[in-house]
Protein backbone atom coordinates (compact mmCIF):
# COMPACT_ATOMS: atom_id res chain seq x y z
CA MET A 1 5.24 34.26 -2.52
CA ARG A 2 9.07 34.76 -1.65
CA GLN A 3 9.87 34.32 -5.84
CA ALA A 4 6.04 36.30 -7.16
CA GLY A 5 7.77 34.94 -10.19
CA ARG A 6 7.31 30.63 -9.96
CA GLN A 7 3.57 31.65 -9.10
CA LEU A 8 0.35 30.13 -10.55
CA ARG A 9 -1.74 33.23 -11.58
CA SER A 10 -4.16 32.09 -14.15
CA ALA A 11 -7.26 29.43 -12.60
CA GLY A 12 -6.66 27.17 -16.19
CA GLN A 13 -3.03 27.14 -14.66
CA LEU A 14 -3.92 26.02 -11.29
CA HIS A 15 -6.74 23.78 -12.12
CA ASP A 16 -4.39 22.20 -14.44
CA VAL A 17 -1.81 20.88 -11.80
CA VAL A 18 -5.29 20.30 -9.70
CA GLU A 19 -6.35 17.59 -12.86
CA ALA A 20 -2.87 16.30 -13.34
CA CYS A 21 -2.31 15.23 -9.65
CA GLN A 22 -3.76 11.78 -8.34
CA THR A 23 -3.07 12.62 -4.41
CA VAL A 24 -3.32 15.04 -2.36
CA ARG A 25 -2.00 14.91 1.68
CA ILE A 26 -4.00 16.88 4.03
CA ALA A 27 -2.25 18.32 7.21
CA CYS A 28 -4.31 17.76 10.49
CA ALA A 29 -4.77 17.70 14.05
CA ASP A 30 -6.35 15.41 16.73
CA GLU A 31 -4.39 14.80 20.53
CA GLU A 32 -1.13 13.61 19.19
CA GLY A 33 0.17 16.30 17.27
CA LEU A 34 -0.56 17.61 13.87
CA PHE A 35 0.24 14.24 11.09
CA ILE A 36 -0.51 14.40 7.41
CA VAL A 37 -1.59 12.15 5.23
CA PRO A 38 -1.88 11.04 1.59
CA MET A 39 -4.72 10.48 -0.17
CA SER A 40 -6.58 9.63 -3.20
CA PHE A 41 -8.96 12.90 -4.33
CA GLY A 42 -12.03 14.25 -6.35
CA TYR A 43 -12.72 17.40 -6.69
CA ASP A 44 -15.41 20.22 -7.88
CA TRP A 45 -13.81 22.90 -9.83
CA ALA A 46 -15.78 26.40 -11.05
CA ASP A 47 -13.95 28.88 -13.28
CA PRO A 48 -14.41 32.92 -11.07
CA GLU A 49 -16.02 34.63 -14.65
CA GLU A 50 -18.60 31.10 -13.36
CA ILE A 51 -19.30 32.46 -10.19
CA ASP A 52 -18.46 35.90 -10.13
CA ALA A 53 -15.76 36.38 -8.37
CA ASP A 54 -11.90 37.21 -7.78
CA GLU A 55 -10.83 32.65 -7.53
CA PRO A 56 -11.50 29.99 -8.81
CA ARG A 57 -13.89 27.84 -5.94
CA LEU A 58 -11.66 24.21 -4.99
CA ALA A 59 -13.49 20.96 -3.29
CA LEU A 60 -12.14 18.64 -2.62
CA TRP A 61 -13.90 14.89 -1.55
CA VAL A 62 -11.86 12.13 -0.22
CA HIS A 63 -12.90 8.97 1.47
CA SER A 64 -12.09 6.94 4.52
CA ALA A 65 -12.99 3.71 6.72
CA GLY A 66 -14.98 4.88 8.68
CA ALA A 67 -12.35 4.82 12.31
CA GLY A 68 -9.39 4.71 13.26
CA ARG A 69 -6.95 8.10 13.65
CA LYS A 70 -7.58 9.63 10.65
CA ALA A 71 -11.28 9.90 10.70
CA ASP A 72 -11.32 10.86 14.36
CA ALA A 73 -8.76 13.60 13.57
CA PHE A 74 -11.40 14.99 10.48
CA ASP A 75 -14.14 14.72 13.03
CA ARG A 76 -12.19 16.64 15.84
CA GLU A 77 -10.94 19.14 14.19
CA PRO A 78 -12.54 20.74 10.80
CA ARG A 79 -9.94 23.03 9.16
CA VAL A 80 -7.13 21.50 7.22
CA ALA A 81 -4.52 21.72 5.51
CA ILE A 82 -3.43 20.61 1.61
CA GLU A 83 -0.65 20.19 -0.59
CA MET A 84 -0.53 18.54 -4.35
CA ASP A 85 2.02 18.40 -6.22
CA VAL A 86 3.12 17.24 -10.16
CA GLN A 87 6.79 16.39 -10.45
CA ASP A 88 8.25 17.10 -14.10
CA GLY A 89 12.11 15.87 -13.29
CA VAL A 90 14.83 16.36 -12.15
CA ILE A 91 17.17 20.00 -14.00
CA ALA A 92 20.75 19.72 -14.27
CA GLY A 93 23.37 21.66 -13.26
CA THR A 94 27.15 22.26 -13.52
CA TYR A 95 28.10 21.13 -10.23
CA ALA A 96 26.20 19.98 -7.47
CA CYS A 97 24.37 22.55 -5.88
CA ALA A 98 22.99 23.84 -9.43
CA TYR A 99 20.51 20.72 -9.72
CA SER A 100 16.88 20.89 -9.10
CA TYR A 101 13.65 19.34 -9.74
CA ALA A 102 10.76 21.17 -11.94
CA TYR A 103 7.53 21.39 -10.41
CA ARG A 104 4.13 21.85 -9.94
CA SER A 105 2.34 21.83 -6.84
CA ILE A 106 -0.68 23.91 -5.08
CA MET A 107 -0.77 24.59 -0.96
CA GLY A 108 -4.50 25.90 0.65
CA THR A 109 -6.22 25.80 4.02
CA GLY A 110 -9.76 24.84 3.51
CA THR A 111 -12.70 22.95 6.21
CA ILE A 112 -13.35 19.10 6.12
CA HIS A 113 -16.72 17.76 6.61
CA ARG A 114 -18.22 13.78 6.20
CA ILE A 115 -21.16 13.93 4.50
CA GLN A 116 -24.00 12.53 5.45
CA GLY A 117 -26.99 10.89 2.60
CA THR A 118 -26.52 8.14 0.39
CA GLU A 119 -27.15 10.36 -2.66
CA ALA A 120 -24.61 12.89 -1.54
CA LYS A 121 -22.30 10.67 -0.36
CA ARG A 122 -22.26 8.91 -4.19
CA TYR A 123 -22.10 12.09 -5.34
CA GLY A 124 -18.37 12.04 -3.56
CA LEU A 125 -17.20 8.92 -5.05
CA THR A 126 -18.44 9.30 -8.66
CA ARG A 127 -16.18 12.78 -8.16
CA ILE A 128 -13.26 10.02 -7.24
CA MET A 129 -13.69 7.94 -9.50
CA GLN A 130 -14.51 10.32 -12.49
CA HIS A 131 -10.93 12.05 -11.23
CA LEU A 132 -8.73 9.28 -11.54
CA ALA A 133 -10.43 6.56 -13.32
CA PRO A 134 -12.95 8.39 -15.91
CA GLU A 135 -13.24 4.93 -17.76
CA ALA A 136 -14.43 2.88 -15.51
CA SER A 137 -17.79 1.78 -14.51
CA ALA A 138 -18.51 3.74 -10.91
CA GLY A 139 -21.74 2.14 -9.37
CA PHE A 140 -21.55 1.71 -5.36
CA THR A 141 -24.36 -0.57 -3.45
CA ASP A 142 -26.09 1.78 -0.19
CA GLN A 143 -24.53 -0.86 2.01
CA ALA A 144 -21.22 0.31 0.79
CA LEU A 145 -22.30 3.42 1.22
CA ALA A 146 -23.59 3.17 4.97
CA ARG A 147 -19.62 1.89 5.39
CA THR A 148 -17.32 4.09 4.31
CA ASN A 149 -17.30 7.60 5.08
CA ILE A 150 -17.47 10.92 2.35
CA TYR A 151 -15.41 14.12 3.56
CA CYS A 152 -15.52 17.13 1.61
CA ILE A 153 -12.85 20.14 2.04
CA ASP A 154 -14.26 23.36 0.91
CA ILE A 155 -10.98 25.43 0.08
CA ASP A 156 -10.90 29.00 0.80
CA HIS A 157 -7.43 29.51 0.17
CA PHE A 158 -4.96 27.91 -2.55
CA THR A 159 -1.67 29.38 -4.33
CA GLY A 160 0.23 27.84 -6.95
CA LYS A 161 4.18 27.67 -7.64
CA GLN A 162 6.02 26.06 -10.02
CA ARG A 163 9.81 25.55 -11.14
CA ALA A 164 10.61 24.63 -15.23
């Protein structure tokens, strides 16, 4: 990272960014080339001391229809990149080029895989609902689960950055 002073280093800081975000942008590739798709998400998080590791573990849960460019790309090429950010407002300057923007962000890479099985799909959708609308009822019929693709992105590397 070019500006090391902006790097978010603690698991708590990184978790706070993930928790505050409502959208993850997923970069993937298909026959037409690279594209980015914004998606709502849920997640599983494990602090380093919980898993005896140097870095936290992050898995993202997303869903889509069973057909279309996104579903085809996810099934074709499992390597993806992710980005999520929290917009913290404009930083005013004394002249035009001194203006900036305050933010916190996460960027990373991982492997996306489609989830099979009713209970595993129910778990993924429940994680999404718990993140986006924790107060809402999160019941899913077997019919809804059968027609919905659920994916999990196992993040193998991610970094956080902030501009305060």
